[in-house]
Amino acid sequence: MTTRWKRFYQKQMQDAKLRELVESELENLQLGVQIAKLRAEENLSQTKLAAKAEMSAPKISTMENEPRNLTIGTLIRVAHALDSRVEIKLVRRKGMKGGRRREGRGKVKNRSL
């Protein structure tokens, strides 16, 4: 059974620009959710994590809620404070065909920091 919301969402996602914007926002939120989950698993408040990472609590809050323009160095500091590591992975977008690649897109690469 399809709800009205689901039909509305599907119709909106037919717009390529809107779909790209939504997918970008979801990717950003995933990083914040990962940080918040790891912090919760360690029983750390944002303030305690900030102290361990030698940064401010508002910075941790921003990372969890609106993770934009983060440097790799900042991510590494937070990861180390959470007894974790950073892995960066480039993954091909859904729907990209082999012949329709944009310049600069290549194979998936992994790197642990």
Protein backbone atom coordinates (compact mmCIF):
# COMPACT_ATOMS: atom_id res chain seq x y z
CA MET A 1 0.00 0.00 0.00
CA THR A 2 1.44 3.34 -1.05
CA THR A 3 0.74 6.33 1.15
CA ARG A 4 0.13 9.83 -0.14
CA TRP A 5 3.45 10.89 1.37
CA LYS A 6 5.28 8.13 -0.48
CA ARG A 7 3.63 9.09 -3.79
CA PHE A 8 4.51 12.75 -3.18
CA TYR A 9 8.12 11.83 -2.32
CA GLN A 10 8.48 9.64 -5.41
CA LYS A 11 7.13 12.42 -7.63
CA GLN A 12 9.53 14.95 -6.10
CA MET A 13 12.50 12.61 -6.56
CA GLN A 14 11.88 12.60 -10.31
CA ASP A 15 13.40 16.10 -10.36
CA ALA A 16 17.14 15.43 -10.78
CA LYS A 17 18.26 18.62 -8.98
CA LEU A 18 16.00 18.00 -6.00
CA ARG A 19 17.00 14.33 -5.85
CA GLU A 20 20.70 15.27 -5.83
CA LEU A 21 20.10 17.82 -3.05
CA VAL A 22 18.19 15.28 -0.92
CA GLU A 23 20.83 12.60 -1.45
CA SER A 24 23.58 15.05 -0.52
CA GLU A 25 21.80 16.02 2.70
CA LEU A 26 21.25 12.36 3.61
CA GLU A 27 24.95 11.64 3.07
CA ASN A 28 25.84 14.53 5.38
CA LEU A 29 23.44 13.37 8.07
CA GLN A 30 24.84 9.84 7.98
CA LEU A 31 28.20 11.09 9.17
CA GLY A 32 26.61 13.01 12.04
CA VAL A 33 24.55 9.99 13.05
CA GLN A 34 27.68 7.82 13.10
CA ILE A 35 29.44 10.26 15.41
CA ALA A 36 26.42 10.47 17.73
CA LYS A 37 26.08 6.65 17.87
CA LEU A 38 29.75 6.13 18.70
CA ARG A 39 29.55 8.85 21.35
CA ALA A 40 26.48 7.19 22.90
CA GLU A 41 28.18 3.77 22.87
CA GLU A 42 31.07 5.29 24.83
CA ASN A 43 28.61 6.95 27.27
CA LEU A 44 30.06 10.36 26.50
CA SER A 45 28.22 13.65 26.50
CA GLN A 46 29.04 16.11 23.74
CA THR A 47 30.99 18.12 26.31
CA LYS A 48 33.08 15.11 27.39
CA LEU A 49 33.78 14.12 23.78
CA ALA A 50 34.75 17.70 23.00
CA ALA A 51 37.22 17.68 25.89
CA LYS A 52 38.75 14.40 24.72
CA ALA A 53 39.03 15.74 21.16
CA GLU A 54 40.32 19.12 22.38
CA MET A 55 37.53 21.12 20.75
CA SER A 56 34.34 22.87 21.81
CA ALA A 57 31.03 21.18 22.63
CA PRO A 58 29.19 23.35 20.07
CA LYS A 59 31.58 22.03 17.39
CA ILE A 60 30.63 18.44 18.34
CA SER A 61 26.95 19.40 18.23
CA THR A 62 27.39 20.93 14.78
CA MET A 63 29.23 17.83 13.56
CA GLU A 64 26.36 15.62 14.72
CA ASN A 65 23.51 17.81 13.50
CA GLU A 66 24.86 19.69 10.46
CA PRO A 67 28.12 18.03 9.39
CA ARG A 68 29.33 20.32 6.62
CA ASN A 69 32.79 21.42 5.57
CA LEU A 70 34.55 19.19 8.07
CA THR A 71 38.25 18.74 7.64
CA ILE A 72 39.78 15.31 7.67
CA GLY A 73 41.92 16.45 10.59
CA THR A 74 38.83 17.29 12.64
CA LEU A 75 37.25 13.94 11.84
CA ILE A 76 40.44 12.14 12.84
CA ARG A 77 40.57 14.00 16.18
CA VAL A 78 36.98 13.03 16.95
CA ALA A 79 37.53 9.44 15.80
CA HIS A 80 40.59 9.05 18.02
CA ALA A 81 38.67 10.50 20.97
CA LEU A 82 36.07 7.79 20.30
CA ASP A 83 38.73 5.06 20.04
CA SER A 84 37.86 4.75 16.35
CA ARG A 85 39.40 5.50 12.98
CA VAL A 86 38.27 7.34 9.87
CA GLU A 87 37.67 5.46 6.62
CA ILE A 88 37.07 7.43 3.46
CA LYS A 89 35.41 5.59 0.62
CA LEU A 90 34.30 6.86 -2.77
CA VAL A 91 31.27 4.94 -4.01
CA ARG A 92 29.68 5.23 -7.42
CA ARG A 93 26.27 6.90 -7.35
CA LYS A 94 23.20 4.84 -8.10
CA GLY A 95 22.06 4.99 -11.68
CA MET A 96 25.43 6.00 -13.14
CA LYS A 97 26.09 3.93 -16.24
CA GLY A 98 29.60 3.07 -17.42
CA GLY A 99 29.29 5.29 -20.48
CA ARG A 100 27.81 8.27 -18.62
CA ARG A 101 30.64 8.97 -16.20
CA ARG A 102 31.42 12.52 -15.34
CA GLU A 103 35.02 13.63 -15.54
CA GLY A 104 37.00 12.76 -12.42
CA ARG A 105 34.91 9.74 -11.44
CA GLY A 106 36.70 6.46 -11.14
CA LYS A 107 36.81 3.21 -9.28
CA VAL A 108 35.99 2.89 -5.59
CA LYS A 109 38.96 3.72 -3.40
CA ASN A 110 39.37 3.05 0.32
CA ARG A 111 41.77 4.61 2.72
CA SER A 112 41.92 4.26 6.48
CA LEU A 113 43.30 7.08 8.57
